[in-house]
Amino acid sequence: MDEAFSKLETEIPPLCSGCKGILRPAVVFFGEPLDPRILRSAYEEAENCDFIFAVGSSLVVFPAADIPLKAKQRGATLVIINKESTPLDHLADYVMNDEAGKVLPQIVQSLKES
């Protein structure tokens, strides 16, 4: 990531020094399609999980926003961590309107102590 950020000063998009491919994070940007295999796997996991976190998502972009809803419909505990409210807050078992980078370390620490 340090290499990519330093290249942004002179190259847009930044290119890998080795293969010359575009350096980018492992995320799906708005307008990009989701990998169908990954999406199918996410739905399968949602249908079989007991507990699901929705972290840092407005839960308004589908089909990804549907995944926590499917888990909740199958009986999973739903935790939403997002700075702003979401359309699924009323269905969640726990809602934390705060920064994920602040809340998640606190949850991990609490689990370590229990």
Protein backbone atom coordinates (compact mmCIF):
# COMPACT_ATOMS: atom_id res chain seq x y z
CA MET A 1 0.00 0.00 0.00
CA ASP A 2 2.88 2.37 0.71
CA GLU A 3 4.11 1.86 -2.86
CA ALA A 4 0.63 2.52 -4.26
CA PHE A 5 0.18 5.71 -2.24
CA SER A 6 3.59 7.06 -3.25
CA LYS A 7 2.85 6.28 -6.92
CA LEU A 8 -0.41 8.25 -6.72
CA GLU A 9 1.68 11.41 -6.65
CA THR A 10 2.87 10.76 -10.21
CA GLU A 11 0.72 7.94 -11.69
CA ILE A 12 -3.03 7.62 -11.98
CA PRO A 13 -3.86 4.81 -11.84
CA PRO A 14 -0.78 3.54 -10.04
CA LEU A 15 0.87 0.56 -11.74
CA CYS A 16 2.73 -2.39 -10.20
CA SER A 17 6.48 -2.13 -10.69
CA GLY A 18 6.66 -5.85 -11.52
CA CYS A 19 3.68 -6.82 -13.69
CA LYS A 20 2.49 -3.30 -14.66
CA GLY A 21 -1.04 -4.17 -13.51
CA ILE A 22 -3.17 -1.54 -11.82
CA LEU A 23 -2.62 -1.38 -8.04
CA ARG A 24 -5.94 -1.32 -6.25
CA PRO A 25 -7.41 -2.48 -2.95
CA ALA A 26 -9.31 -5.76 -2.71
CA VAL A 27 -12.71 -4.09 -2.67
CA VAL A 28 -15.67 -3.77 -5.01
CA PHE A 29 -16.17 -0.18 -6.07
CA PHE A 30 -19.59 1.29 -6.86
CA GLY A 31 -20.71 0.18 -10.29
CA GLU A 32 -18.44 -2.88 -10.36
CA PRO A 33 -20.08 -6.32 -10.44
CA LEU A 34 -19.67 -8.72 -7.55
CA ASP A 35 -17.97 -12.02 -8.30
CA PRO A 36 -20.95 -14.45 -8.58
CA ARG A 37 -19.06 -17.23 -6.77
CA ILE A 38 -18.26 -14.98 -3.82
CA LEU A 39 -21.82 -13.65 -3.69
CA ARG A 40 -23.26 -17.19 -3.78
CA SER A 41 -20.88 -18.23 -0.99
CA ALA A 42 -21.90 -15.21 1.09
CA TYR A 43 -25.57 -16.12 0.76
CA GLU A 44 -24.84 -19.72 1.74
CA GLU A 45 -22.94 -18.55 4.82
CA ALA A 46 -25.75 -16.12 5.71
CA GLU A 47 -28.30 -18.92 5.56
CA ASN A 48 -26.27 -21.04 7.98
CA CYS A 49 -24.76 -18.55 10.42
CA ASP A 50 -25.82 -17.87 13.99
CA PHE A 51 -24.34 -14.40 14.20
CA ILE A 52 -23.57 -11.75 11.57
CA PHE A 53 -21.85 -8.38 11.69
CA ALA A 54 -22.67 -5.70 9.11
CA VAL A 55 -19.76 -3.29 9.49
CA GLY A 56 -19.28 0.08 7.82
CA SER A 57 -22.12 -0.34 5.34
CA SER A 58 -25.10 1.86 4.65
CA LEU A 59 -26.95 -1.36 3.71
CA VAL A 60 -28.59 0.33 0.74
CA VAL A 61 -26.59 -1.22 -2.13
CA PHE A 62 -27.98 -4.54 -3.32
CA PRO A 63 -27.39 -7.43 -3.58
CA ALA A 64 -24.78 -7.15 -0.82
CA ALA A 65 -27.19 -5.33 1.52
CA ASP A 66 -29.50 -8.33 1.31
CA ILE A 67 -26.99 -10.69 2.95
CA PRO A 68 -27.50 -9.57 6.59
CA LEU A 69 -31.26 -9.54 5.99
CA LYS A 70 -31.17 -13.17 4.83
CA ALA A 71 -29.14 -14.14 7.90
CA LYS A 72 -31.60 -12.38 10.21
CA GLN A 73 -34.57 -14.04 8.50
CA ARG A 74 -32.92 -17.42 9.17
CA GLY A 75 -32.59 -16.61 12.88
CA ALA A 76 -29.08 -15.15 13.13
CA THR A 77 -28.22 -12.40 15.60
CA LEU A 78 -27.59 -9.23 13.58
CA VAL A 79 -25.12 -6.57 14.72
CA ILE A 80 -24.83 -3.37 12.70
CA ILE A 81 -21.84 -1.11 13.19
CA ASN A 82 -22.04 2.03 11.05
CA LYS A 83 -21.56 5.73 11.63
CA GLU A 84 -25.05 6.47 10.33
CA SER A 85 -28.36 4.69 10.66
CA THR A 86 -29.30 2.05 8.08
CA PRO A 87 -32.59 0.69 6.72
CA LEU A 88 -32.01 -2.55 8.67
CA ASP A 89 -31.42 -0.96 12.09
CA HIS A 90 -34.96 -1.78 13.20
CA LEU A 91 -34.30 -5.49 12.55
CA ALA A 92 -30.90 -5.60 14.23
CA ASP A 93 -30.32 -7.09 17.65
CA TYR A 94 -27.57 -4.53 18.30
CA VAL A 95 -26.82 -1.24 16.55
CA MET A 96 -23.70 0.82 17.18
CA ASN A 97 -23.61 4.16 15.40
CA ASP A 98 -19.90 4.81 15.62
CA GLU A 99 -16.69 4.28 13.67
CA ALA A 100 -15.87 0.64 12.99
CA GLY A 101 -12.19 1.31 13.71
CA LYS A 102 -13.17 2.40 17.21
CA VAL A 103 -15.88 -0.16 17.99
CA LEU A 104 -14.32 -3.36 16.65
CA PRO A 105 -11.14 -3.20 18.80
CA GLN A 106 -13.36 -2.65 21.85
CA ILE A 107 -15.41 -5.74 20.97
CA VAL A 108 -12.26 -7.83 20.46
CA GLN A 109 -10.85 -6.65 23.79
CA SER A 110 -14.11 -7.45 25.54
CA LEU A 111 -14.13 -10.96 24.07
CA LYS A 112 -10.54 -11.53 25.20
CA GLU A 113 -11.50 -10.56 28.75
CA SER A 114 -14.50 -12.86 28.93
